[in-house]
Amino acid sequence: QIRNGIAYPNCNVKIGATHGGVLIGADGGSHQCVEDISLMRTIPNMTVLSPCDTEETFACVRAALEWEGPVYLRFGRLGTPDIYEKGALKFEIGKGQVVLDGGDAAIIAVGDMVSRSLEAAGRLRAAGIHAAVIDMASIKPIDADLVCTYARKTGCVVTAEDHNVMGGLGGAVAEVLAGACPTPMEFVGVKDQFGRSGAPQELAMLYGLTVEAIEEAVKKAVGRKR
């Protein structure tokens, strides 16, 4: 219906979808959507946005309303830490946000995984690894220039998403890197599995969506570039 009734005729329809990812908690695999980014970004004419906090959610909704054409907005369910101060975010479709700079690795994240990536970057600094954290709320169109700038600057990339590692943010970033600036890359996300019922932190540990998992992926990526 979305493909044929909305995207094919390029209708100006905005879709706001909740329950993205497994970190929504106890609703289980039937309600935890881990394939939506992949499905939506492969539909021609569709724009895909995934905000990371309250301020960016408002910004993405405003941008979607001003955008001519179909837009898919991906929301989670639980509250997330505030990344941006009220009124401080200059969001633009097709542009990413550097929320933390660094020169040793680039972590590109969406949704709940942005705050976890910032925490991981803080821990990595104690180990002498200065990782940049990029919030890529605009998954399609993606900010290819920013991806390549930080791939060249840092020499390695890690993506972090509460979504199947196949076809989501990681796939979008890998496509950019493969075509413009091949770079060692690691993926943090759901490893091609359905979700299951559990507390969000339990599910984060089960599916490898923890701060520690991001740390390990960065260390592995840094090791590969050396």
N, C-alpha and C. Protein backbone atom coordinates (compact mmCIF):
# COMPACT_ATOMS: atom_id res chain seq x y z
N GLN A 1 0.82 -1.21 0.00
CA GLN A 1 0.00 0.00 0.00
C GLN A 1 0.86 1.26 0.00
N ILE A 2 1.92 1.27 0.83
CA ILE A 2 2.80 2.44 0.87
C ILE A 2 3.52 2.61 -0.45
N ARG A 3 4.02 1.51 -0.99
CA ARG A 3 4.76 1.58 -2.25
C ARG A 3 3.87 2.07 -3.38
N ASN A 4 2.72 1.41 -3.56
CA ASN A 4 1.88 1.69 -4.72
C ASN A 4 0.94 2.88 -4.53
N GLY A 5 0.47 3.08 -3.29
CA GLY A 5 -0.52 4.12 -3.07
C GLY A 5 0.06 5.47 -2.66
N ILE A 6 1.33 5.47 -2.16
CA ILE A 6 1.93 6.71 -1.69
C ILE A 6 3.18 7.08 -2.48
N ALA A 7 4.16 6.17 -2.51
CA ALA A 7 5.45 6.51 -3.10
C ALA A 7 5.41 6.51 -4.63
N TYR A 8 4.74 5.54 -5.24
CA TYR A 8 4.71 5.45 -6.70
C TYR A 8 4.12 6.71 -7.33
N PRO A 9 2.99 7.21 -6.82
CA PRO A 9 2.47 8.48 -7.35
C PRO A 9 3.08 9.71 -6.69
N ASN A 10 4.05 9.50 -5.78
CA ASN A 10 4.77 10.58 -5.11
C ASN A 10 3.81 11.51 -4.37
N CYS A 11 2.92 10.93 -3.58
CA CYS A 11 1.95 11.72 -2.82
C CYS A 11 2.62 12.37 -1.62
N ASN A 12 2.09 13.51 -1.24
CA ASN A 12 2.66 14.28 -0.14
C ASN A 12 2.12 13.76 1.19
N VAL A 13 2.52 12.53 1.55
CA VAL A 13 2.01 11.84 2.73
C VAL A 13 3.14 11.66 3.74
N LYS A 14 2.86 11.91 5.01
CA LYS A 14 3.84 11.73 6.08
C LYS A 14 3.39 10.55 6.96
N ILE A 15 4.29 9.60 7.18
CA ILE A 15 4.00 8.41 7.97
C ILE A 15 4.79 8.49 9.27
N GLY A 16 4.10 8.53 10.40
CA GLY A 16 4.76 8.52 11.70
C GLY A 16 4.59 7.15 12.33
N ALA A 17 5.67 6.38 12.45
CA ALA A 17 5.59 4.99 12.92
C ALA A 17 6.36 4.82 14.22
N THR A 18 5.71 4.24 15.23
CA THR A 18 6.36 3.99 16.51
C THR A 18 6.84 2.54 16.59
N HIS A 19 7.41 2.19 17.73
CA HIS A 19 7.86 0.82 18.02
C HIS A 19 8.99 0.37 17.10
N GLY A 20 9.86 1.30 16.74
CA GLY A 20 11.03 0.93 15.95
C GLY A 20 12.09 0.29 16.83
N GLY A 21 12.57 -0.89 16.45
CA GLY A 21 13.65 -1.56 17.17
C GLY A 21 13.19 -2.45 18.30
N VAL A 22 14.17 -3.14 18.91
CA VAL A 22 13.87 -4.07 20.01
C VAL A 22 13.88 -3.39 21.37
N LEU A 23 14.46 -2.20 21.46
CA LEU A 23 14.61 -1.55 22.76
C LEU A 23 13.30 -0.98 23.30
N ILE A 24 12.20 -1.16 22.58
CA ILE A 24 10.90 -0.74 23.10
C ILE A 24 10.47 -1.62 24.28
N GLY A 25 11.06 -2.82 24.41
CA GLY A 25 10.79 -3.63 25.59
C GLY A 25 9.89 -4.82 25.38
N ALA A 26 8.92 -4.99 26.29
CA ALA A 26 8.26 -6.28 26.49
C ALA A 26 7.21 -6.65 25.44
N ASP A 27 6.94 -5.82 24.47
CA ASP A 27 5.90 -6.15 23.50
C ASP A 27 6.27 -7.34 22.61
N GLY A 28 7.55 -7.63 22.48
CA GLY A 28 7.98 -8.83 21.77
C GLY A 28 8.16 -8.65 20.28
N GLY A 29 8.61 -9.75 19.64
CA GLY A 29 9.01 -9.71 18.24
C GLY A 29 7.93 -9.30 17.26
N SER A 30 6.66 -9.56 17.58
CA SER A 30 5.59 -9.19 16.66
C SER A 30 5.42 -7.68 16.57
N HIS A 31 5.87 -6.94 17.60
CA HIS A 31 5.69 -5.49 17.65
C HIS A 31 7.01 -4.73 17.45
N GLN A 32 8.14 -5.42 17.55
CA GLN A 32 9.44 -4.77 17.47
C GLN A 32 9.92 -4.78 16.02
N CYS A 33 9.82 -3.63 15.37
CA CYS A 33 10.12 -3.56 13.94
C CYS A 33 11.62 -3.31 13.74
N VAL A 34 12.32 -4.28 13.19
CA VAL A 34 13.76 -4.14 12.97
C VAL A 34 14.13 -4.15 11.48
N GLU A 35 13.13 -4.01 10.63
CA GLU A 35 13.38 -4.03 9.19
C GLU A 35 12.81 -2.82 8.46
N ASP A 36 12.23 -1.88 9.20
CA ASP A 36 11.51 -0.79 8.56
C ASP A 36 12.41 0.20 7.83
N ILE A 37 13.57 0.51 8.38
CA ILE A 37 14.48 1.43 7.69
C ILE A 37 14.87 0.86 6.34
N SER A 38 15.23 -0.42 6.35
CA SER A 38 15.63 -1.08 5.11
C SER A 38 14.50 -1.06 4.08
N LEU A 39 13.30 -1.42 4.52
CA LEU A 39 12.16 -1.46 3.60
C LEU A 39 11.86 -0.08 3.04
N MET A 40 11.83 0.92 3.91
CA MET A 40 11.41 2.25 3.47
C MET A 40 12.46 2.95 2.62
N ARG A 41 13.74 2.75 2.93
CA ARG A 41 14.73 3.50 2.16
C ARG A 41 14.94 2.92 0.77
N THR A 42 14.47 1.71 0.52
CA THR A 42 14.59 1.14 -0.82
C THR A 42 13.39 1.48 -1.71
N ILE A 43 12.42 2.22 -1.18
CA ILE A 43 11.27 2.64 -1.98
C ILE A 43 11.59 3.99 -2.62
N PRO A 44 11.57 4.09 -3.95
CA PRO A 44 11.82 5.37 -4.60
C PRO A 44 10.86 6.46 -4.10
N ASN A 45 11.35 7.68 -4.04
CA ASN A 45 10.62 8.88 -3.60
C ASN A 45 10.47 9.00 -2.09
N MET A 46 10.79 7.94 -1.33
CA MET A 46 10.58 7.98 0.12
C MET A 46 11.76 8.60 0.85
N THR A 47 11.48 9.52 1.76
CA THR A 47 12.47 10.10 2.66
C THR A 47 12.33 9.41 4.01
N VAL A 48 13.46 9.11 4.67
CA VAL A 48 13.44 8.36 5.93
C VAL A 48 14.17 9.14 7.02
N LEU A 49 13.46 9.43 8.12
CA LEU A 49 14.02 10.19 9.23
C LEU A 49 13.87 9.41 10.53
N SER A 50 14.92 9.45 11.38
CA SER A 50 14.90 8.74 12.66
C SER A 50 15.54 9.61 13.73
N PRO A 51 14.75 10.40 14.47
CA PRO A 51 15.30 11.32 15.48
C PRO A 51 15.79 10.60 16.72
N CYS A 52 16.65 11.29 17.49
CA CYS A 52 17.29 10.66 18.65
C CYS A 52 16.78 11.17 19.99
N ASP A 53 16.10 12.31 20.01
CA ASP A 53 15.60 12.84 21.29
C ASP A 53 14.38 13.71 21.04
N THR A 54 13.87 14.34 22.09
CA THR A 54 12.64 15.14 21.97
C THR A 54 12.81 16.30 21.01
N GLU A 55 13.87 17.07 21.17
CA GLU A 55 14.09 18.25 20.34
C GLU A 55 14.21 17.86 18.87
N GLU A 56 14.93 16.79 18.59
CA GLU A 56 15.10 16.38 17.20
C GLU A 56 13.81 15.79 16.64
N THR A 57 12.97 15.19 17.49
CA THR A 57 11.68 14.70 17.04
C THR A 57 10.83 15.84 16.52
N PHE A 58 10.73 16.92 17.31
CA PHE A 58 9.98 18.09 16.86
C PHE A 58 10.57 18.63 15.56
N ALA A 59 11.91 18.68 15.48
CA ALA A 59 12.57 19.22 14.29
C ALA A 59 12.29 18.36 13.06
N CYS A 60 12.32 17.04 13.23
CA CYS A 60 12.05 16.14 12.10
C CYS A 60 10.61 16.24 11.63
N VAL A 61 9.68 16.37 12.57
CA VAL A 61 8.27 16.50 12.19
C VAL A 61 8.06 17.80 11.42
N ARG A 62 8.65 18.89 11.91
CA ARG A 62 8.51 20.17 11.20
C ARG A 62 9.11 20.08 9.79
N ALA A 63 10.29 19.47 9.69
CA ALA A 63 10.95 19.33 8.39
C ALA A 63 10.12 18.47 7.44
N ALA A 64 9.52 17.40 7.98
CA ALA A 64 8.71 16.51 7.15
C ALA A 64 7.48 17.24 6.61
N LEU A 65 6.86 18.07 7.44
CA LEU A 65 5.68 18.80 7.00
C LEU A 65 6.02 19.81 5.90
N GLU A 66 7.24 20.34 5.93
CA GLU A 66 7.66 21.31 4.93
C GLU A 66 8.20 20.65 3.66
N TRP A 67 8.50 19.35 3.74
CA TRP A 67 9.09 18.61 2.63
C TRP A 67 7.99 18.16 1.66
N GLU A 68 8.21 18.34 0.39
CA GLU A 68 7.23 17.92 -0.61
C GLU A 68 7.50 16.47 -1.01
N GLY A 69 6.58 15.57 -0.67
CA GLY A 69 6.74 14.17 -1.02
C GLY A 69 6.60 13.27 0.20
N PRO A 70 6.64 11.96 0.01
CA PRO A 70 6.45 11.01 1.10
C PRO A 70 7.62 11.04 2.09
N VAL A 71 7.29 10.98 3.39
CA VAL A 71 8.30 10.93 4.44
C VAL A 71 7.91 9.86 5.45
N TYR A 72 8.87 9.01 5.80
CA TYR A 72 8.69 8.01 6.86
C TYR A 72 9.45 8.47 8.09
N LEU A 73 8.74 8.70 9.19
CA LEU A 73 9.33 9.11 10.46
C LEU A 73 9.35 7.92 11.40
N ARG A 74 10.54 7.55 11.87
CA ARG A 74 10.69 6.37 12.74
C ARG A 74 10.85 6.82 14.19
N PHE A 75 9.95 6.36 15.04
CA PHE A 75 10.00 6.68 16.47
C PHE A 75 10.12 5.41 17.30
N GLY A 76 10.75 5.54 18.45
CA GLY A 76 10.76 4.43 19.40
C GLY A 76 9.54 4.51 20.30
N ARG A 77 9.71 4.04 21.52
CA ARG A 77 8.60 4.08 22.47
C ARG A 77 9.01 4.70 23.81
N LEU A 78 10.20 4.36 24.27
CA LEU A 78 10.65 4.82 25.58
C LEU A 78 11.27 6.21 25.51
N GLY A 79 11.36 6.85 26.66
CA GLY A 79 12.04 8.14 26.74
C GLY A 79 13.54 7.97 26.49
N THR A 80 14.17 9.00 25.94
CA THR A 80 15.61 8.96 25.67
C THR A 80 16.26 10.20 26.27
N PRO A 81 17.55 10.13 26.59
CA PRO A 81 18.25 11.31 27.12
C PRO A 81 18.23 12.46 26.12
N ASP A 82 18.18 13.68 26.63
CA ASP A 82 18.23 14.85 25.75
C ASP A 82 19.65 15.05 25.22
N ILE A 83 19.77 15.13 23.91
CA ILE A 83 21.05 15.38 23.25
C ILE A 83 21.18 16.86 22.91
N TYR A 84 20.07 17.45 22.50
CA TYR A 84 20.08 18.84 22.04
C TYR A 84 19.28 19.73 23.00
N GLU A 85 19.79 20.94 23.22
CA GLU A 85 19.04 21.92 24.00
C GLU A 85 17.90 22.48 23.15
N LYS A 86 16.86 22.89 23.83
CA LYS A 86 15.69 23.41 23.13
C LYS A 86 16.07 24.63 22.29
N GLY A 87 15.71 24.56 21.02
CA GLY A 87 15.98 25.67 20.11
C GLY A 87 17.38 25.72 19.53
N ALA A 88 18.24 24.77 19.95
CA ALA A 88 19.64 24.84 19.51
C ALA A 88 19.91 24.02 18.25
N LEU A 89 18.97 23.16 17.85
CA LEU A 89 19.22 22.25 16.73
C LEU A 89 18.81 22.88 15.41
N LYS A 90 19.73 22.87 14.45
CA LYS A 90 19.45 23.35 13.10
C LYS A 90 19.32 22.13 12.19
N PHE A 91 18.19 21.45 12.27
CA PHE A 91 18.01 20.22 11.50
C PHE A 91 17.63 20.51 10.05
N GLU A 92 18.22 19.70 9.17
CA GLU A 92 17.92 19.82 7.75
C GLU A 92 17.91 18.43 7.14
N ILE A 93 16.88 18.13 6.39
CA ILE A 93 16.82 16.83 5.71
C ILE A 93 18.02 16.71 4.76
N GLY A 94 18.72 15.58 4.85
CA GLY A 94 19.90 15.36 4.02
C GLY A 94 21.20 15.75 4.69
N LYS A 95 21.12 16.22 5.96
CA LYS A 95 22.32 16.62 6.69
C LYS A 95 22.41 15.89 8.02
N GLY A 96 23.63 15.48 8.39
CA GLY A 96 23.88 14.88 9.70
C GLY A 96 24.37 15.92 10.68
N GLN A 97 24.42 15.53 11.96
CA GLN A 97 24.86 16.44 13.02
C GLN A 97 26.06 15.83 13.73
N VAL A 98 27.17 16.56 13.79
CA VAL A 98 28.32 16.13 14.58
C VAL A 98 28.07 16.55 16.02
N VAL A 99 27.75 15.58 16.88
CA VAL A 99 27.44 15.92 18.28
C VAL A 99 28.68 15.83 19.16
N LEU A 100 29.72 15.16 18.67
CA LEU A 100 31.00 15.10 19.37
C LEU A 100 32.09 14.92 18.33
N ASP A 101 33.13 15.73 18.38
CA ASP A 101 34.19 15.63 17.39
C ASP A 101 35.28 14.68 17.89
N GLY A 102 36.04 14.16 16.95
CA GLY A 102 37.13 13.25 17.27
C GLY A 102 37.87 12.86 16.02
N GLY A 103 39.11 12.40 16.17
CA GLY A 103 39.92 12.11 15.00
C GLY A 103 40.36 10.68 14.84
N ASP A 104 39.97 9.79 15.79
CA ASP A 104 40.44 8.41 15.74
C ASP A 104 39.44 7.43 15.13
N ALA A 105 38.16 7.74 15.21
CA ALA A 105 37.11 6.89 14.66
C ALA A 105 35.84 7.72 14.55
N ALA A 106 34.93 7.30 13.68
CA ALA A 106 33.65 7.99 13.52
C ALA A 106 32.53 7.00 13.84
N ILE A 107 31.72 7.33 14.84
CA ILE A 107 30.53 6.54 15.16
C ILE A 107 29.34 7.26 14.56
N ILE A 108 28.64 6.60 13.67
CA ILE A 108 27.45 7.18 13.03
C ILE A 108 26.24 6.43 13.58
N ALA A 109 25.32 7.14 14.20
CA ALA A 109 24.24 6.48 14.93
C ALA A 109 22.90 7.15 14.67
N VAL A 110 21.83 6.43 15.02
CA VAL A 110 20.47 6.98 14.94
C VAL A 110 19.68 6.55 16.18
N GLY A 111 18.63 7.32 16.46
CA GLY A 111 17.69 6.96 17.51
C GLY A 111 18.34 6.80 18.88
N ASP A 112 17.88 5.77 19.63
CA ASP A 112 18.40 5.51 20.97
C ASP A 112 19.91 5.32 20.99
N MET A 113 20.48 4.91 19.89
CA MET A 113 21.90 4.57 19.86
C MET A 113 22.80 5.81 19.84
N VAL A 114 22.24 6.99 19.63
CA VAL A 114 23.07 8.20 19.66
C VAL A 114 23.56 8.46 21.08
N SER A 115 22.67 8.39 22.07
CA SER A 115 23.08 8.62 23.46
C SER A 115 24.04 7.53 23.93
N ARG A 116 23.82 6.31 23.52
CA ARG A 116 24.73 5.21 23.87
C ARG A 116 26.09 5.41 23.21
N SER A 117 26.09 5.93 22.01
CA SER A 117 27.36 6.19 21.31
C SER A 117 28.15 7.29 22.01
N LEU A 118 27.45 8.32 22.50
CA LEU A 118 28.12 9.38 23.24
C LEU A 118 28.75 8.84 24.53
N GLU A 119 28.02 7.96 25.19
CA GLU A 119 28.58 7.36 26.41
C GLU A 119 29.79 6.50 26.09
N ALA A 120 29.69 5.72 25.01
CA ALA A 120 30.83 4.89 24.59
C ALA A 120 32.03 5.76 24.23
N ALA A 121 31.79 6.88 23.55
CA ALA A 121 32.88 7.77 23.17
C ALA A 121 33.57 8.34 24.40
N GLY A 122 32.78 8.64 25.43
CA GLY A 122 33.37 9.13 26.68
C GLY A 122 34.28 8.11 27.32
N ARG A 123 33.86 6.86 27.32
CA ARG A 123 34.69 5.79 27.88
C ARG A 123 35.95 5.57 27.04
N LEU A 124 35.80 5.65 25.73
CA LEU A 124 36.94 5.43 24.84
C LEU A 124 38.01 6.49 25.02
N ARG A 125 37.60 7.71 25.35
CA ARG A 125 38.57 8.77 25.57
C ARG A 125 39.51 8.43 26.72
N ALA A 126 38.98 7.74 27.71
CA ALA A 126 39.82 7.33 28.84
C ALA A 126 40.88 6.33 28.39
N ALA A 127 40.61 5.64 27.28
CA ALA A 127 41.57 4.68 26.73
C ALA A 127 42.44 5.30 25.64
N GLY A 128 42.30 6.61 25.44
CA GLY A 128 43.12 7.30 24.45
C GLY A 128 42.58 7.28 23.04
N ILE A 129 41.33 6.86 22.87
CA ILE A 129 40.71 6.83 21.53
C ILE A 129 39.66 7.93 21.47
N HIS A 130 39.88 8.90 20.59
CA HIS A 130 38.96 10.03 20.46
C HIS A 130 38.04 9.80 19.27
N ALA A 131 36.84 9.35 19.58
CA ALA A 131 35.86 9.02 18.54
C ALA A 131 34.88 10.17 18.33
N ALA A 132 34.60 10.47 17.09
CA ALA A 132 33.53 11.41 16.77
C ALA A 132 32.20 10.67 16.82
N VAL A 133 31.13 11.39 17.18
CA VAL A 133 29.78 10.82 17.16
C VAL A 133 28.92 11.68 16.25
N ILE A 134 28.34 11.04 15.25
CA ILE A 134 27.51 11.73 14.27
C ILE A 134 26.08 11.19 14.37
N ASP A 135 25.14 12.09 14.54
CA ASP A 135 23.72 11.75 14.55
C ASP A 135 23.21 11.86 13.12
N MET A 136 22.88 10.71 12.51
CA MET A 136 22.44 10.69 11.12
C MET A 136 20.94 10.46 11.06
N ALA A 137 20.18 11.42 11.63
CA ALA A 137 18.72 11.28 11.68
C ALA A 137 18.12 11.23 10.28
N SER A 138 18.74 11.89 9.33
CA SER A 138 18.30 11.81 7.93
C SER A 138 19.02 10.63 7.28
N ILE A 139 18.34 9.48 7.29
CA ILE A 139 18.94 8.26 6.73
C ILE A 139 18.80 8.26 5.21
N LYS A 140 17.71 8.80 4.71
CA LYS A 140 17.53 8.96 3.26
C LYS A 140 16.79 10.27 3.03
N PRO A 141 17.38 11.24 2.35
CA PRO A 141 18.74 11.22 1.81
C PRO A 141 19.79 11.30 2.93
N ILE A 142 20.87 10.57 2.74
CA ILE A 142 21.95 10.55 3.73
C ILE A 142 22.98 11.63 3.39
N ASP A 143 23.67 12.09 4.40
CA ASP A 143 24.69 13.13 4.21
C ASP A 143 26.01 12.46 3.79
N ALA A 144 26.12 12.17 2.50
CA ALA A 144 27.28 11.45 1.99
C ALA A 144 28.57 12.26 2.18
N ASP A 145 28.49 13.56 2.02
CA ASP A 145 29.67 14.40 2.20
C ASP A 145 30.22 14.30 3.62
N LEU A 146 29.32 14.32 4.61
CA LEU A 146 29.76 14.23 6.00
C LEU A 146 30.33 12.85 6.30
N VAL A 147 29.70 11.81 5.78
CA VAL A 147 30.21 10.45 5.96
C VAL A 147 31.64 10.34 5.43
N CYS A 148 31.87 10.82 4.22
CA CYS A 148 33.20 10.72 3.61
C CYS A 148 34.22 11.63 4.30
N THR A 149 33.78 12.80 4.73
CA THR A 149 34.68 13.70 5.44
C THR A 149 35.24 13.03 6.69
N TYR A 150 34.36 12.39 7.47
CA TYR A 150 34.82 11.77 8.71
C TYR A 150 35.48 10.41 8.48
N ALA A 151 35.14 9.74 7.40
CA ALA A 151 35.86 8.52 7.06
C ALA A 151 37.31 8.84 6.73
N ARG A 152 37.52 9.90 5.99
CA ARG A 152 38.89 10.30 5.64
C ARG A 152 39.62 10.87 6.85
N LYS A 153 38.90 11.61 7.68
CA LYS A 153 39.51 12.24 8.84
C LYS A 153 39.94 11.21 9.88
N THR A 154 39.13 10.19 10.11
CA THR A 154 39.38 9.23 11.20
C THR A 154 39.97 7.91 10.73
N GLY A 155 39.69 7.51 9.50
CA GLY A 155 40.23 6.26 8.97
C GLY A 155 39.41 5.02 9.27
N CYS A 156 38.33 5.15 10.04
CA CYS A 156 37.45 4.00 10.30
C CYS A 156 36.09 4.48 10.77
N VAL A 157 35.06 3.65 10.52
CA VAL A 157 33.68 4.03 10.79
C VAL A 157 32.96 2.90 11.51
N VAL A 158 32.12 3.25 12.48
CA VAL A 158 31.23 2.30 13.16
C VAL A 158 29.81 2.86 13.05
N THR A 159 28.85 2.03 12.66
CA THR A 159 27.45 2.45 12.69
C THR A 159 26.74 1.78 13.85
N ALA A 160 25.78 2.48 14.44
CA ALA A 160 25.04 1.96 15.59
C ALA A 160 23.56 2.26 15.41
N GLU A 161 22.76 1.20 15.41
CA GLU A 161 21.33 1.35 15.17
C GLU A 161 20.55 0.23 15.84
N ASP A 162 19.35 0.53 16.31
CA ASP A 162 18.43 -0.47 16.85
C ASP A 162 17.58 -0.97 15.69
N HIS A 163 18.22 -1.75 14.83
CA HIS A 163 17.63 -2.19 13.56
C HIS A 163 18.50 -3.31 13.04
N ASN A 164 17.97 -4.10 12.15
CA ASN A 164 18.78 -5.14 11.50
C ASN A 164 20.01 -4.51 10.85
N VAL A 165 21.17 -5.12 11.05
CA VAL A 165 22.38 -4.59 10.42
C VAL A 165 22.33 -4.70 8.90
N MET A 166 21.40 -5.51 8.38
CA MET A 166 21.25 -5.66 6.94
C MET A 166 20.29 -4.59 6.40
N GLY A 167 20.81 -3.68 5.61
CA GLY A 167 19.95 -2.76 4.87
C GLY A 167 19.56 -1.48 5.57
N GLY A 168 19.92 -1.30 6.83
CA GLY A 168 19.53 -0.10 7.56
C GLY A 168 20.53 1.02 7.42
N LEU A 169 20.78 1.72 8.53
CA LEU A 169 21.78 2.80 8.52
C LEU A 169 23.14 2.28 8.08
N GLY A 170 23.54 1.12 8.64
CA GLY A 170 24.83 0.55 8.28
C GLY A 170 24.96 0.30 6.80
N GLY A 171 23.89 -0.22 6.21
CA GLY A 171 23.91 -0.45 4.77
C GLY A 171 24.02 0.83 3.98
N ALA A 172 23.30 1.86 4.43
CA ALA A 172 23.34 3.15 3.74
C ALA A 172 24.74 3.77 3.80
N VAL A 173 25.37 3.70 4.98
CA VAL A 173 26.72 4.24 5.14
C VAL A 173 27.72 3.42 4.32
N ALA A 174 27.58 2.10 4.35
CA ALA A 174 28.49 1.23 3.59
C ALA A 174 28.41 1.51 2.09
N GLU A 175 27.21 1.80 1.60
CA GLU A 175 27.06 2.12 0.18
C GLU A 175 27.82 3.39 -0.18
N VAL A 176 27.75 4.38 0.71
CA VAL A 176 28.49 5.63 0.48
C VAL A 176 29.99 5.36 0.47
N LEU A 177 30.47 4.63 1.47
CA LEU A 177 31.90 4.37 1.59
C LEU A 177 32.42 3.54 0.43
N ALA A 178 31.66 2.53 0.03
CA ALA A 178 32.10 1.65 -1.06
C ALA A 178 32.23 2.43 -2.37
N GLY A 179 31.35 3.41 -2.56
CA GLY A 179 31.36 4.14 -3.82
C GLY A 179 32.31 5.32 -3.86
N ALA A 180 32.65 5.87 -2.68
CA ALA A 180 33.44 7.11 -2.69
C ALA A 180 34.74 7.06 -1.91
N CYS A 181 34.76 6.34 -0.78
CA CYS A 181 35.96 6.34 0.06
C CYS A 181 36.02 5.07 0.90
N PRO A 182 36.42 3.94 0.31
CA PRO A 182 36.48 2.68 1.05
C PRO A 182 37.24 2.82 2.36
N THR A 183 36.61 2.35 3.45
CA THR A 183 37.11 2.57 4.81
C THR A 183 36.77 1.36 5.68
N PRO A 184 37.67 0.93 6.58
CA PRO A 184 37.31 -0.13 7.53
C PRO A 184 36.04 0.26 8.30
N MET A 185 35.12 -0.69 8.44
CA MET A 185 33.82 -0.38 9.02
C MET A 185 33.32 -1.54 9.86
N GLU A 186 32.67 -1.22 10.98
CA GLU A 186 32.02 -2.22 11.84
C GLU A 186 30.56 -1.81 12.05
N PHE A 187 29.71 -2.82 12.27
CA PHE A 187 28.27 -2.60 12.40
C PHE A 187 27.79 -3.02 13.79
N VAL A 188 27.11 -2.12 14.49
CA VAL A 188 26.44 -2.46 15.75
C VAL A 188 24.94 -2.38 15.48
N GLY A 189 24.26 -3.49 15.71
CA GLY A 189 22.83 -3.55 15.45
C GLY A 189 22.32 -4.95 15.66
N VAL A 190 21.07 -5.19 15.32
CA VAL A 190 20.46 -6.51 15.46
C VAL A 190 20.98 -7.39 14.33
N LYS A 191 21.50 -8.55 14.70
CA LYS A 191 22.16 -9.43 13.72
C LYS A 191 21.16 -10.36 13.04
N ASP A 192 20.31 -9.78 12.20
CA ASP A 192 19.36 -10.52 11.36
C ASP A 192 18.49 -11.49 12.18
N GLN A 193 17.89 -10.95 13.24
CA GLN A 193 17.01 -11.74 14.10
C GLN A 193 15.72 -10.97 14.35
N PHE A 194 14.67 -11.70 14.74
CA PHE A 194 13.47 -11.04 15.23
C PHE A 194 13.69 -10.68 16.69
N GLY A 195 12.89 -9.74 17.19
CA GLY A 195 12.96 -9.37 18.59
C GLY A 195 12.28 -10.39 19.47
N ARG A 196 12.32 -10.13 20.76
CA ARG A 196 11.61 -10.97 21.73
C ARG A 196 11.27 -10.11 22.95
N SER A 197 10.42 -10.64 23.81
CA SER A 197 9.97 -9.89 24.97
C SER A 197 11.05 -9.82 26.05
N GLY A 198 11.15 -8.65 26.71
CA GLY A 198 12.12 -8.48 27.78
C GLY A 198 12.25 -7.02 28.15
N ALA A 199 12.93 -6.74 29.23
CA ALA A 199 13.22 -5.36 29.61
C ALA A 199 14.21 -4.76 28.62
N PRO A 200 14.12 -3.46 28.35
CA PRO A 200 15.01 -2.85 27.35
C PRO A 200 16.49 -3.14 27.58
N GLN A 201 16.97 -3.07 28.82
CA GLN A 201 18.38 -3.31 29.06
C GLN A 201 18.76 -4.76 28.82
N GLU A 202 17.85 -5.67 29.17
CA GLU A 202 18.09 -7.10 28.88
C GLU A 202 18.19 -7.33 27.38
N LEU A 203 17.31 -6.68 26.63
CA LEU A 203 17.32 -6.85 25.18
C LEU A 203 18.56 -6.20 24.57
N ALA A 204 18.98 -5.07 25.13
CA ALA A 204 20.20 -4.43 24.65
C ALA A 204 21.39 -5.37 24.79
N MET A 205 21.48 -6.06 25.91
CA MET A 205 22.57 -7.01 26.12
C MET A 205 22.45 -8.21 25.20
N LEU A 206 21.22 -8.71 25.03
CA LEU A 206 20.99 -9.89 24.20
C LEU A 206 21.34 -9.63 22.74
N TYR A 207 20.99 -8.44 22.25
CA TYR A 207 21.18 -8.14 20.83
C TYR A 207 22.44 -7.33 20.53
N GLY A 208 23.26 -7.07 21.54
CA GLY A 208 24.51 -6.36 21.30
C GLY A 208 24.33 -4.90 20.99
N LEU A 209 23.41 -4.24 21.72
CA LEU A 209 23.13 -2.83 21.48
C LEU A 209 23.58 -1.97 22.66
N THR A 210 24.55 -2.43 23.39
CA THR A 210 25.02 -1.76 24.59
C THR A 210 26.14 -0.77 24.30
N VAL A 211 26.41 0.06 25.30
CA VAL A 211 27.55 0.96 25.24
C VAL A 211 28.83 0.16 25.04
N GLU A 212 28.94 -0.96 25.75
CA GLU A 212 30.13 -1.81 25.65
C GLU A 212 30.30 -2.37 24.24
N ALA A 213 29.19 -2.72 23.60
CA ALA A 213 29.27 -3.25 22.23
C ALA A 213 29.79 -2.19 21.26
N ILE A 214 29.38 -0.95 21.47
CA ILE A 214 29.88 0.13 20.62
C ILE A 214 31.37 0.35 20.86
N GLU A 215 31.78 0.33 22.14
CA GLU A 215 33.20 0.46 22.47
C GLU A 215 34.03 -0.59 21.76
N GLU A 216 33.60 -1.84 21.85
CA GLU A 216 34.35 -2.94 21.24
C GLU A 216 34.41 -2.80 19.72
N ALA A 217 33.31 -2.37 19.12
CA ALA A 217 33.30 -2.19 17.67
C ALA A 217 34.28 -1.10 17.25
N VAL A 218 34.34 -0.01 18.02
CA VAL A 218 35.28 1.06 17.71
C VAL A 218 36.72 0.56 17.83
N LYS A 219 37.01 -0.15 18.91
CA LYS A 219 38.37 -0.67 19.08
C LYS A 219 38.75 -1.62 17.94
N LYS A 220 37.80 -2.43 17.51
CA LYS A 220 38.06 -3.36 16.40
C LYS A 220 38.31 -2.58 15.11
N ALA A 221 37.51 -1.56 14.87
CA ALA A 221 37.68 -0.75 13.66
C ALA A 221 39.01 -0.02 13.66
N VAL A 222 39.37 0.55 14.82
CA VAL A 222 40.67 1.23 14.93
C VAL A 222 41.81 0.25 14.68
N GLY A 223 41.69 -0.95 15.22
CA GLY A 223 42.71 -1.97 14.99
C GLY A 223 42.85 -2.36 13.53
N ARG A 224 41.75 -2.38 12.82
CA ARG A 224 41.78 -2.74 11.41
C ARG A 224 42.48 -1.67 10.56
N LYS A 225 42.31 -0.41 10.92
CA LYS A 225 42.93 0.64 10.10
C LYS A 225 44.45 0.66 10.32
N ARG A 226 44.90 0.17 11.48
CA ARG A 226 46.33 0.13 11.73
C ARG A 226 46.99 -1.05 11.06
